[in-house]
Amino acid sequence: MEILFPILLLTVCLVGRAGAVKIYINPSDQTRNVSPDGTYNEAAAMKDVAQRLEAKLNAQGFEVRNSDGGTMREALRMTLPGLYALQSSKSGGQLTKISYPWE
């Protein structure tokens, strides 16, 4: 899955305009994961990557939200409604109750 997601993003970027595609970016926040030479950490590097990716995706017409180091709970609050909307749409528009893992 770790390799599949970047490939999917790259494919979507290369295809062109997005239409109704929404993308949520949640960069790593692992400040203690430091490079071998100690010049940078994973959190800072991934924040930079996320900001650059967000700009490129916005330029292609995608609706993008960048958590900018938000928590997993915040990420799920932004992602799950879209997944439930898809489920509702597939079932003919039936109302679908959103349940969060922490409730």
Protein backbone atom coordinates (compact mmCIF):
# COMPACT_ATOMS: atom_id res chain seq x y z
CA MET A 1 0.00 0.00 0.00
CA GLU A 2 2.89 2.38 0.76
CA ILE A 3 4.10 2.13 -2.84
CA LEU A 4 0.65 2.04 -4.44
CA PHE A 5 -0.50 5.44 -3.10
CA PRO A 6 2.38 7.50 -4.61
CA ILE A 7 1.94 5.65 -7.91
CA LEU A 8 -1.77 6.45 -7.87
CA LEU A 9 -1.07 10.13 -7.19
CA LEU A 10 1.51 10.24 -9.96
CA THR A 11 -0.94 8.61 -12.38
CA VAL A 12 -3.67 11.09 -11.49
CA CYS A 13 -1.24 14.01 -11.92
CA LEU A 14 -0.14 12.81 -15.34
CA VAL A 15 -3.67 12.25 -16.60
CA GLY A 16 -4.56 15.93 -16.29
CA ARG A 17 -7.53 17.90 -14.99
CA ALA A 18 -9.30 16.38 -12.05
CA GLY A 19 -12.93 17.40 -12.17
CA ALA A 20 -14.51 16.37 -8.88
CA VAL A 21 -11.51 14.53 -7.46
CA LYS A 22 -10.66 15.57 -3.90
CA ILE A 23 -7.30 14.77 -2.37
CA TYR A 24 -6.32 14.93 1.28
CA ILE A 25 -2.61 15.17 2.07
CA ASN A 26 -1.40 14.22 5.55
CA PRO A 27 2.40 14.46 5.73
CA SER A 28 4.39 12.52 8.29
CA ASP A 29 5.09 14.26 11.59
CA GLN A 30 7.96 12.07 12.77
CA THR A 31 10.43 14.68 14.04
CA ARG A 32 12.66 12.04 15.64
CA ASN A 33 13.26 10.24 12.35
CA VAL A 34 16.46 12.08 11.39
CA SER A 35 18.58 11.71 8.26
CA PRO A 36 21.87 9.79 8.60
CA ASP A 37 23.88 13.02 8.53
CA GLY A 38 21.49 14.79 10.94
CA THR A 39 20.73 17.68 8.57
CA TYR A 40 16.95 17.14 8.37
CA ASN A 41 14.09 15.13 9.86
CA GLU A 42 11.24 13.29 8.21
CA ALA A 43 8.56 15.72 9.43
CA ALA A 44 10.22 18.78 7.88
CA ALA A 45 10.97 16.99 4.61
CA MET A 46 7.45 15.58 4.25
CA LYS A 47 5.86 18.94 5.10
CA ASP A 48 7.87 20.46 2.24
CA VAL A 49 6.85 17.63 -0.12
CA ALA A 50 3.18 18.03 0.87
CA GLN A 51 3.22 21.79 0.22
CA ARG A 52 4.81 21.31 -3.20
CA LEU A 53 2.39 18.50 -4.08
CA GLU A 54 -0.57 20.60 -2.94
CA ALA A 55 0.49 23.48 -5.21
CA LYS A 56 0.93 21.19 -8.22
CA LEU A 57 -2.39 19.42 -7.66
CA ASN A 58 -4.23 22.72 -7.18
CA ALA A 59 -2.74 23.94 -10.46
CA GLN A 60 -4.23 20.87 -12.17
CA GLY A 61 -7.71 21.62 -10.80
CA PHE A 62 -7.85 19.16 -7.92
CA GLU A 63 -9.54 20.08 -4.67
CA VAL A 64 -6.75 19.59 -2.14
CA ARG A 65 -6.60 19.80 1.63
CA ASN A 66 -3.29 19.63 3.41
CA SER A 67 -3.42 18.71 7.09
CA ASP A 68 -0.01 20.36 7.51
CA GLY A 69 0.90 17.95 10.28
CA GLY A 70 -2.59 17.47 11.71
CA THR A 71 -3.57 14.47 13.80
CA MET A 72 -4.91 11.17 12.50
CA ARG A 73 -8.29 12.07 14.02
CA GLU A 74 -8.36 15.28 11.94
CA ALA A 75 -7.40 13.29 8.84
CA LEU A 76 -10.22 10.82 9.39
CA ARG A 77 -12.73 13.61 10.05
CA MET A 78 -11.91 14.99 6.61
CA THR A 79 -11.68 11.67 4.77
CA LEU A 80 -14.49 9.48 6.12
CA PRO A 81 -17.42 11.68 4.95
CA GLY A 82 -16.25 11.27 1.36
CA LEU A 83 -16.03 7.51 1.72
CA TYR A 84 -19.50 7.35 3.26
CA ALA A 85 -20.87 9.60 0.49
CA LEU A 86 -19.53 7.16 -2.07
CA GLN A 87 -21.19 4.28 -0.20
CA SER A 88 -24.47 6.23 -0.05
CA SER A 89 -24.28 7.01 -3.76
CA LYS A 90 -23.73 3.36 -4.64
CA SER A 91 -26.80 2.41 -2.61
CA GLY A 92 -29.10 4.80 -4.47
CA GLY A 93 -28.65 7.80 -2.19
CA GLN A 94 -29.71 6.12 1.03
CA LEU A 95 -28.71 8.00 4.16
CA THR A 96 -25.58 6.53 5.68
CA LYS A 97 -24.59 7.16 9.28
CA ILE A 98 -20.96 8.16 9.63
CA SER A 99 -19.28 6.44 12.54
CA TYR A 100 -15.83 7.43 13.69
CA PRO A 101 -13.56 4.85 15.36
CA TRP A 102 -13.18 6.97 18.52
CA GLU A 103 -16.93 7.38 19.14
